[in-house]
Amino acid sequence: KGEFSSVSGGLANQATHARSSVSGGARNMAQNVDASVSGGFLNRAVGRYGSVSGGKSNFANGETSTVSGGIGNKAENKFSSISGGMKNQALGVSTSILGGKENVADKSFSMVSRKGNKSKKVSKFFVDENNSTLTAVINTRAASGDSN
């Protein structure tokens, strides 16, 4: 157990490094400084400042990477995030997967969603003032739909 780490509930959970925490669930592991797992089953936060909020068999391996839930998701690189879904992989630096199934974001600064998509480079995007339109700008592309 790491210095100032905590395991506050659940079954067979481990917080192995300084200031790491596991809040509940079963067989979850927070395995780096300031890493956290909030619950679920068989989740691992391995990257420094990495976090997994819940779900099953999710991995936050990159520094400051996040998996919010789902099943079998992997946030592998720095600043990568997965909002949920199943069998998604955020492999590039600063990549995001918004959910769905079997998506791969392997290009840095990219985002994907839905099912079976692979990332293309995304530099900037914004939502319009009515919060209804996602607009890509400055030589950017975002993959969405099925099998793009």
N, C-alpha and C. Protein backbone atom coordinates (compact mmCIF):
# COMPACT_ATOMS: atom_id res chain seq x y z
N LYS A 1 0.85 -1.19 0.00
CA LYS A 1 0.00 0.00 0.00
C LYS A 1 0.88 1.24 0.00
N GLY A 2 0.55 2.21 -0.88
CA GLY A 2 1.34 3.42 -0.99
C GLY A 2 1.04 4.43 0.10
N GLU A 3 2.00 5.32 0.36
CA GLU A 3 1.83 6.36 1.36
C GLU A 3 0.63 7.25 0.99
N PHE A 4 -0.25 7.46 1.94
CA PHE A 4 -1.48 8.26 1.78
C PHE A 4 -2.45 7.66 0.75
N SER A 5 -2.29 6.40 0.42
CA SER A 5 -3.24 5.74 -0.49
C SER A 5 -4.43 5.22 0.30
N SER A 6 -5.53 4.91 -0.41
CA SER A 6 -6.70 4.40 0.30
C SER A 6 -7.49 3.42 -0.55
N VAL A 7 -8.02 2.43 0.14
CA VAL A 7 -9.02 1.52 -0.43
C VAL A 7 -10.21 1.63 0.51
N SER A 8 -11.31 2.21 0.02
CA SER A 8 -12.41 2.52 0.93
C SER A 8 -13.57 1.54 0.87
N GLY A 9 -13.47 0.51 0.06
CA GLY A 9 -14.53 -0.49 0.05
C GLY A 9 -14.32 -1.52 -1.03
N GLY A 10 -15.25 -2.45 -1.11
CA GLY A 10 -15.19 -3.46 -2.14
C GLY A 10 -14.43 -4.70 -1.72
N LEU A 11 -14.00 -5.47 -2.70
CA LEU A 11 -13.37 -6.76 -2.47
C LEU A 11 -12.08 -6.88 -3.28
N ALA A 12 -10.99 -7.21 -2.61
CA ALA A 12 -9.69 -7.49 -3.25
C ALA A 12 -9.20 -6.34 -4.12
N ASN A 13 -9.38 -5.11 -3.66
CA ASN A 13 -8.90 -3.92 -4.37
C ASN A 13 -7.52 -3.54 -3.84
N GLN A 14 -6.71 -2.86 -4.69
CA GLN A 14 -5.37 -2.46 -4.29
C GLN A 14 -5.07 -1.03 -4.74
N ALA A 15 -4.45 -0.26 -3.86
CA ALA A 15 -3.92 1.06 -4.17
C ALA A 15 -2.45 1.02 -3.78
N THR A 16 -1.57 0.87 -4.76
CA THR A 16 -0.18 0.50 -4.47
C THR A 16 0.81 1.66 -4.40
N HIS A 17 0.45 2.85 -4.86
CA HIS A 17 1.40 3.95 -4.88
C HIS A 17 0.87 5.15 -4.09
N ALA A 18 1.75 6.12 -3.87
CA ALA A 18 1.41 7.30 -3.08
C ALA A 18 0.17 7.99 -3.61
N ARG A 19 -0.74 8.32 -2.71
CA ARG A 19 -1.96 9.06 -2.99
C ARG A 19 -2.89 8.38 -4.00
N SER A 20 -2.70 7.10 -4.24
CA SER A 20 -3.62 6.37 -5.13
C SER A 20 -4.84 5.93 -4.34
N SER A 21 -5.95 5.67 -5.06
CA SER A 21 -7.17 5.28 -4.35
C SER A 21 -8.06 4.37 -5.18
N VAL A 22 -8.73 3.47 -4.48
CA VAL A 22 -9.80 2.66 -5.05
C VAL A 22 -10.99 2.81 -4.12
N SER A 23 -12.13 3.22 -4.68
CA SER A 23 -13.30 3.51 -3.84
C SER A 23 -14.23 2.34 -3.63
N GLY A 24 -14.22 1.35 -4.50
CA GLY A 24 -15.12 0.22 -4.33
C GLY A 24 -15.01 -0.74 -5.49
N GLY A 25 -15.99 -1.62 -5.59
CA GLY A 25 -15.97 -2.63 -6.64
C GLY A 25 -15.15 -3.84 -6.23
N ALA A 26 -14.66 -4.58 -7.20
CA ALA A 26 -13.90 -5.79 -6.91
C ALA A 26 -12.72 -5.96 -7.86
N ARG A 27 -11.58 -6.33 -7.28
CA ARG A 27 -10.36 -6.63 -8.02
C ARG A 27 -9.90 -5.47 -8.90
N ASN A 28 -10.04 -4.26 -8.39
CA ASN A 28 -9.57 -3.05 -9.07
C ASN A 28 -8.20 -2.67 -8.53
N MET A 29 -7.39 -2.01 -9.38
CA MET A 29 -6.05 -1.63 -8.96
C MET A 29 -5.71 -0.21 -9.41
N ALA A 30 -5.22 0.60 -8.48
CA ALA A 30 -4.65 1.91 -8.77
C ALA A 30 -3.15 1.75 -8.57
N GLN A 31 -2.38 1.78 -9.66
CA GLN A 31 -1.00 1.33 -9.62
C GLN A 31 0.03 2.40 -9.96
N ASN A 32 -0.28 3.66 -9.72
CA ASN A 32 0.71 4.70 -9.91
C ASN A 32 0.37 5.87 -8.99
N VAL A 33 1.28 6.81 -8.89
CA VAL A 33 1.08 7.98 -8.04
C VAL A 33 -0.16 8.73 -8.50
N ASP A 34 -1.05 9.03 -7.56
CA ASP A 34 -2.27 9.80 -7.80
C ASP A 34 -3.26 9.13 -8.75
N ALA A 35 -3.14 7.85 -8.98
CA ALA A 35 -4.09 7.11 -9.82
C ALA A 35 -5.33 6.76 -9.01
N SER A 36 -6.48 6.60 -9.69
CA SER A 36 -7.70 6.27 -8.97
C SER A 36 -8.64 5.38 -9.78
N VAL A 37 -9.32 4.51 -9.08
CA VAL A 37 -10.40 3.70 -9.65
C VAL A 37 -11.60 3.89 -8.73
N SER A 38 -12.73 4.32 -9.29
CA SER A 38 -13.90 4.61 -8.47
C SER A 38 -14.74 3.38 -8.16
N GLY A 39 -14.69 2.38 -9.01
CA GLY A 39 -15.48 1.17 -8.78
C GLY A 39 -15.45 0.27 -9.98
N GLY A 40 -16.38 -0.66 -10.02
CA GLY A 40 -16.44 -1.60 -11.13
C GLY A 40 -15.71 -2.90 -10.82
N PHE A 41 -15.28 -3.59 -11.86
CA PHE A 41 -14.67 -4.91 -11.72
C PHE A 41 -13.48 -5.04 -12.66
N LEU A 42 -12.34 -5.44 -12.12
CA LEU A 42 -11.12 -5.69 -12.89
C LEU A 42 -10.62 -4.46 -13.66
N ASN A 43 -10.78 -3.28 -13.09
CA ASN A 43 -10.29 -2.05 -13.71
C ASN A 43 -8.91 -1.72 -13.17
N ARG A 44 -8.07 -1.08 -14.02
CA ARG A 44 -6.72 -0.70 -13.60
C ARG A 44 -6.39 0.71 -14.06
N ALA A 45 -5.92 1.52 -13.13
CA ALA A 45 -5.37 2.84 -13.44
C ALA A 45 -3.87 2.73 -13.21
N VAL A 46 -3.12 2.68 -14.30
CA VAL A 46 -1.68 2.43 -14.25
C VAL A 46 -0.88 3.71 -14.49
N GLY A 47 -1.39 4.61 -15.31
CA GLY A 47 -0.68 5.84 -15.60
C GLY A 47 -0.73 6.81 -14.43
N ARG A 48 0.33 7.60 -14.28
CA ARG A 48 0.33 8.63 -13.24
C ARG A 48 -0.85 9.56 -13.48
N TYR A 49 -1.62 9.84 -12.45
CA TYR A 49 -2.85 10.64 -12.49
C TYR A 49 -3.96 9.99 -13.32
N GLY A 50 -3.81 8.73 -13.69
CA GLY A 50 -4.82 8.02 -14.47
C GLY A 50 -6.05 7.71 -13.63
N SER A 51 -7.22 7.60 -14.30
CA SER A 51 -8.43 7.28 -13.57
C SER A 51 -9.39 6.41 -14.39
N VAL A 52 -10.05 5.51 -13.68
CA VAL A 52 -11.14 4.72 -14.24
C VAL A 52 -12.33 4.91 -13.32
N SER A 53 -13.46 5.33 -13.87
CA SER A 53 -14.63 5.61 -13.05
C SER A 53 -15.48 4.39 -12.74
N GLY A 54 -15.42 3.38 -13.59
CA GLY A 54 -16.21 2.18 -13.35
C GLY A 54 -16.21 1.28 -14.56
N GLY A 55 -17.15 0.36 -14.60
CA GLY A 55 -17.23 -0.58 -15.70
C GLY A 55 -16.45 -1.85 -15.40
N LYS A 56 -16.05 -2.54 -16.46
CA LYS A 56 -15.35 -3.82 -16.31
C LYS A 56 -14.15 -3.89 -17.26
N SER A 57 -13.03 -4.33 -16.72
CA SER A 57 -11.82 -4.58 -17.51
C SER A 57 -11.38 -3.37 -18.32
N ASN A 58 -11.42 -2.19 -17.72
CA ASN A 58 -10.95 -0.96 -18.35
C ASN A 58 -9.56 -0.63 -17.84
N PHE A 59 -8.73 -0.01 -18.71
CA PHE A 59 -7.36 0.33 -18.37
C PHE A 59 -7.08 1.79 -18.70
N ALA A 60 -6.56 2.54 -17.74
CA ALA A 60 -6.06 3.89 -17.96
C ALA A 60 -4.55 3.82 -17.78
N ASN A 61 -3.84 3.54 -18.86
CA ASN A 61 -2.40 3.30 -18.79
C ASN A 61 -1.56 4.54 -19.03
N GLY A 62 -2.07 5.54 -19.75
CA GLY A 62 -1.30 6.73 -20.03
C GLY A 62 -1.36 7.74 -18.90
N GLU A 63 -0.34 8.59 -18.82
CA GLU A 63 -0.33 9.65 -17.82
C GLU A 63 -1.54 10.55 -18.04
N THR A 64 -2.27 10.84 -17.00
CA THR A 64 -3.51 11.62 -16.99
C THR A 64 -4.59 11.07 -17.93
N SER A 65 -4.55 9.79 -18.21
CA SER A 65 -5.58 9.17 -19.06
C SER A 65 -6.81 8.84 -18.23
N THR A 66 -7.97 8.77 -18.90
CA THR A 66 -9.24 8.55 -18.22
C THR A 66 -10.13 7.60 -19.00
N VAL A 67 -10.73 6.65 -18.29
CA VAL A 67 -11.81 5.84 -18.85
C VAL A 67 -13.01 6.03 -17.92
N SER A 68 -14.11 6.52 -18.48
CA SER A 68 -15.28 6.81 -17.65
C SER A 68 -16.14 5.59 -17.35
N GLY A 69 -16.04 4.55 -18.15
CA GLY A 69 -16.81 3.34 -17.91
C GLY A 69 -16.82 2.46 -19.13
N GLY A 70 -17.73 1.52 -19.16
CA GLY A 70 -17.82 0.60 -20.28
C GLY A 70 -17.12 -0.72 -20.00
N ILE A 71 -16.80 -1.45 -21.06
CA ILE A 71 -16.18 -2.77 -20.93
C ILE A 71 -14.99 -2.88 -21.88
N GLY A 72 -13.85 -3.25 -21.34
CA GLY A 72 -12.67 -3.55 -22.16
C GLY A 72 -12.09 -2.37 -22.91
N ASN A 73 -12.17 -1.17 -22.36
CA ASN A 73 -11.61 0.03 -22.99
C ASN A 73 -10.19 0.27 -22.51
N LYS A 74 -9.33 0.83 -23.39
CA LYS A 74 -7.94 1.10 -23.05
C LYS A 74 -7.54 2.51 -23.47
N ALA A 75 -7.19 3.34 -22.49
CA ALA A 75 -6.63 4.67 -22.74
C ALA A 75 -5.14 4.54 -22.50
N GLU A 76 -4.37 4.44 -23.58
CA GLU A 76 -2.97 4.02 -23.50
C GLU A 76 -1.94 5.14 -23.49
N ASN A 77 -2.29 6.35 -23.89
CA ASN A 77 -1.27 7.38 -24.04
C ASN A 77 -1.61 8.61 -23.20
N LYS A 78 -0.67 9.54 -23.10
CA LYS A 78 -0.86 10.74 -22.30
C LYS A 78 -2.10 11.51 -22.75
N PHE A 79 -2.87 11.98 -21.78
CA PHE A 79 -4.02 12.84 -21.99
C PHE A 79 -5.13 12.19 -22.83
N SER A 80 -5.15 10.88 -22.91
CA SER A 80 -6.19 10.19 -23.69
C SER A 80 -7.42 9.93 -22.82
N SER A 81 -8.59 9.85 -23.48
CA SER A 81 -9.82 9.62 -22.72
C SER A 81 -10.82 8.80 -23.52
N ILE A 82 -11.57 7.99 -22.80
CA ILE A 82 -12.66 7.21 -23.38
C ILE A 82 -13.88 7.44 -22.49
N SER A 83 -14.98 7.88 -23.10
CA SER A 83 -16.18 8.18 -22.33
C SER A 83 -16.98 6.94 -21.97
N GLY A 84 -16.83 5.87 -22.70
CA GLY A 84 -17.55 4.64 -22.42
C GLY A 84 -17.58 3.76 -23.64
N GLY A 85 -18.48 2.81 -23.65
CA GLY A 85 -18.57 1.91 -24.78
C GLY A 85 -17.84 0.60 -24.52
N MET A 86 -17.42 -0.05 -25.60
CA MET A 86 -16.85 -1.39 -25.47
C MET A 86 -15.68 -1.60 -26.44
N LYS A 87 -14.58 -2.11 -25.91
CA LYS A 87 -13.39 -2.47 -26.70
C LYS A 87 -12.86 -1.30 -27.53
N ASN A 88 -12.85 -0.11 -26.96
CA ASN A 88 -12.28 1.06 -27.61
C ASN A 88 -10.83 1.23 -27.18
N GLN A 89 -9.99 1.82 -28.06
CA GLN A 89 -8.59 2.04 -27.75
C GLN A 89 -8.18 3.47 -28.10
N ALA A 90 -7.79 4.24 -27.11
CA ALA A 90 -7.24 5.58 -27.32
C ALA A 90 -5.73 5.45 -27.22
N LEU A 91 -5.05 5.40 -28.37
CA LEU A 91 -3.63 5.08 -28.42
C LEU A 91 -2.73 6.30 -28.61
N GLY A 92 -3.21 7.34 -29.26
CA GLY A 92 -2.40 8.52 -29.51
C GLY A 92 -2.44 9.50 -28.35
N VAL A 93 -1.50 10.45 -28.37
CA VAL A 93 -1.46 11.52 -27.36
C VAL A 93 -2.68 12.41 -27.55
N SER A 94 -3.34 12.76 -26.48
CA SER A 94 -4.50 13.67 -26.48
C SER A 94 -5.62 13.19 -27.40
N THR A 95 -5.92 11.91 -27.36
CA THR A 95 -7.01 11.36 -28.16
C THR A 95 -8.26 11.19 -27.31
N SER A 96 -9.42 11.21 -27.97
CA SER A 96 -10.69 11.02 -27.28
C SER A 96 -11.58 10.07 -28.06
N ILE A 97 -12.22 9.18 -27.34
CA ILE A 97 -13.26 8.33 -27.92
C ILE A 97 -14.53 8.63 -27.14
N LEU A 98 -15.56 9.03 -27.86
CA LEU A 98 -16.78 9.50 -27.23
C LEU A 98 -17.72 8.37 -26.85
N GLY A 99 -17.38 7.15 -27.20
CA GLY A 99 -18.20 5.99 -26.89
C GLY A 99 -18.30 5.10 -28.09
N GLY A 100 -19.20 4.15 -28.05
CA GLY A 100 -19.36 3.24 -29.17
C GLY A 100 -18.59 1.95 -28.95
N LYS A 101 -18.26 1.27 -30.04
CA LYS A 101 -17.66 -0.05 -29.96
C LYS A 101 -16.52 -0.20 -30.95
N GLU A 102 -15.42 -0.76 -30.49
CA GLU A 102 -14.28 -1.14 -31.31
C GLU A 102 -13.72 0.02 -32.13
N ASN A 103 -13.66 1.20 -31.54
CA ASN A 103 -13.03 2.36 -32.17
C ASN A 103 -11.57 2.42 -31.77
N VAL A 104 -10.73 2.97 -32.67
CA VAL A 104 -9.31 3.15 -32.40
C VAL A 104 -8.94 4.59 -32.72
N ALA A 105 -8.43 5.31 -31.73
CA ALA A 105 -7.90 6.67 -31.93
C ALA A 105 -6.39 6.58 -31.79
N ASP A 106 -5.70 6.35 -32.92
CA ASP A 106 -4.26 6.15 -32.85
C ASP A 106 -3.45 7.35 -33.33
N LYS A 107 -4.09 8.33 -33.91
CA LYS A 107 -3.41 9.55 -34.32
C LYS A 107 -3.53 10.57 -33.19
N SER A 108 -2.44 11.24 -32.87
CA SER A 108 -2.48 12.23 -31.80
C SER A 108 -3.48 13.33 -32.11
N PHE A 109 -4.11 13.87 -31.07
CA PHE A 109 -5.08 14.96 -31.16
C PHE A 109 -6.28 14.59 -32.04
N SER A 110 -6.75 13.36 -31.93
CA SER A 110 -7.89 12.92 -32.73
C SER A 110 -9.04 12.48 -31.83
N MET A 111 -10.22 12.36 -32.44
CA MET A 111 -11.37 11.84 -31.70
C MET A 111 -12.21 10.98 -32.62
N VAL A 112 -12.83 9.97 -32.06
CA VAL A 112 -13.73 9.10 -32.82
C VAL A 112 -14.93 8.73 -31.95
N SER A 113 -15.96 8.23 -32.61
CA SER A 113 -17.15 7.75 -31.90
C SER A 113 -17.87 6.71 -32.74
N ARG A 114 -18.88 6.13 -32.19
CA ARG A 114 -19.77 5.13 -32.78
C ARG A 114 -19.10 3.77 -32.89
N LYS A 115 -19.01 3.14 -34.08
CA LYS A 115 -18.56 1.75 -34.16
C LYS A 115 -17.51 1.55 -35.25
N GLY A 116 -16.41 0.89 -34.88
CA GLY A 116 -15.41 0.44 -35.84
C GLY A 116 -14.69 1.52 -36.59
N ASN A 117 -14.51 2.69 -36.01
CA ASN A 117 -13.83 3.80 -36.68
C ASN A 117 -12.38 3.89 -36.26
N LYS A 118 -11.56 4.45 -37.15
CA LYS A 118 -10.15 4.70 -36.87
C LYS A 118 -9.92 6.20 -37.06
N SER A 119 -9.07 6.78 -36.21
CA SER A 119 -8.93 8.23 -36.18
C SER A 119 -8.19 8.79 -37.38
N LYS A 120 -8.54 10.03 -37.66
CA LYS A 120 -7.81 10.88 -38.58
C LYS A 120 -7.47 12.13 -37.78
N LYS A 121 -6.45 12.85 -38.16
CA LYS A 121 -5.98 13.97 -37.35
C LYS A 121 -7.05 15.04 -37.16
N VAL A 122 -7.18 15.49 -35.93
CA VAL A 122 -8.09 16.59 -35.60
C VAL A 122 -7.30 17.62 -34.80
N SER A 123 -7.26 18.84 -35.27
CA SER A 123 -6.52 19.89 -34.57
C SER A 123 -7.41 20.72 -33.67
N LYS A 124 -8.54 21.19 -34.20
CA LYS A 124 -9.44 22.03 -33.42
C LYS A 124 -10.87 21.73 -33.82
N PHE A 125 -11.77 21.87 -32.87
CA PHE A 125 -13.19 21.79 -33.18
C PHE A 125 -13.94 22.60 -32.15
N PHE A 126 -15.17 22.95 -32.47
CA PHE A 126 -15.96 23.70 -31.50
C PHE A 126 -17.44 23.39 -31.71
N VAL A 127 -18.22 23.70 -30.69
CA VAL A 127 -19.68 23.56 -30.75
C VAL A 127 -20.26 24.96 -30.90
N ASP A 128 -21.23 25.12 -31.81
CA ASP A 128 -21.77 26.45 -32.05
C ASP A 128 -22.54 26.97 -30.84
N GLU A 129 -22.96 28.22 -30.90
CA GLU A 129 -23.59 28.87 -29.74
C GLU A 129 -24.89 28.21 -29.31
N ASN A 130 -25.52 27.43 -30.17
CA ASN A 130 -26.74 26.72 -29.80
C ASN A 130 -26.45 25.33 -29.26
N ASN A 131 -25.17 25.00 -29.11
CA ASN A 131 -24.74 23.70 -28.62
C ASN A 131 -25.34 22.54 -29.42
N SER A 132 -25.48 22.73 -30.73
CA SER A 132 -26.11 21.69 -31.53
C SER A 132 -25.26 21.19 -32.69
N THR A 133 -24.21 21.91 -33.05
CA THR A 133 -23.43 21.53 -34.22
C THR A 133 -21.96 21.41 -33.86
N LEU A 134 -21.36 20.27 -34.16
CA LEU A 134 -19.93 20.09 -34.00
C LEU A 134 -19.27 20.49 -35.31
N THR A 135 -18.42 21.49 -35.27
CA THR A 135 -17.80 22.02 -36.47
C THR A 135 -16.30 21.80 -36.41
N ALA A 136 -15.75 21.21 -37.47
CA ALA A 136 -14.30 21.00 -37.55
C ALA A 136 -13.69 22.12 -38.37
N VAL A 137 -12.56 22.64 -37.93
CA VAL A 137 -11.91 23.75 -38.63
C VAL A 137 -10.42 23.50 -38.78
N ILE A 138 -9.78 24.28 -39.65
CA ILE A 138 -8.35 24.27 -39.87
C ILE A 138 -7.83 22.87 -40.21
N ASN A 139 -8.14 22.40 -41.41
CA ASN A 139 -7.59 21.15 -41.92
C ASN A 139 -7.81 19.99 -40.97
N THR A 140 -9.03 19.79 -40.55
CA THR A 140 -9.31 18.76 -39.55
C THR A 140 -10.37 17.79 -40.05
N ARG A 141 -10.36 16.62 -39.45
CA ARG A 141 -11.38 15.62 -39.74
C ARG A 141 -11.67 14.84 -38.48
N ALA A 142 -12.89 14.44 -38.30
CA ALA A 142 -13.28 13.60 -37.18
C ALA A 142 -14.03 12.40 -37.74
N ALA A 143 -13.74 11.23 -37.23
CA ALA A 143 -14.40 10.02 -37.72
C ALA A 143 -15.63 9.72 -36.89
N SER A 144 -16.74 9.51 -37.56
CA SER A 144 -17.96 9.10 -36.90
C SER A 144 -18.74 8.23 -37.86
N GLY A 145 -19.79 7.61 -37.40
CA GLY A 145 -20.52 6.68 -38.24
C GLY A 145 -20.03 5.27 -37.99
N ASP A 146 -20.16 4.41 -38.97
CA ASP A 146 -19.74 3.02 -38.82
C ASP A 146 -18.60 2.70 -39.78
N SER A 147 -17.55 2.08 -39.28
CA SER A 147 -16.43 1.54 -40.07
C SER A 147 -15.80 2.55 -41.01
N ASN A 148 -15.50 3.76 -40.53
CA ASN A 148 -14.82 4.79 -41.33
C ASN A 148 -13.33 4.71 -41.15
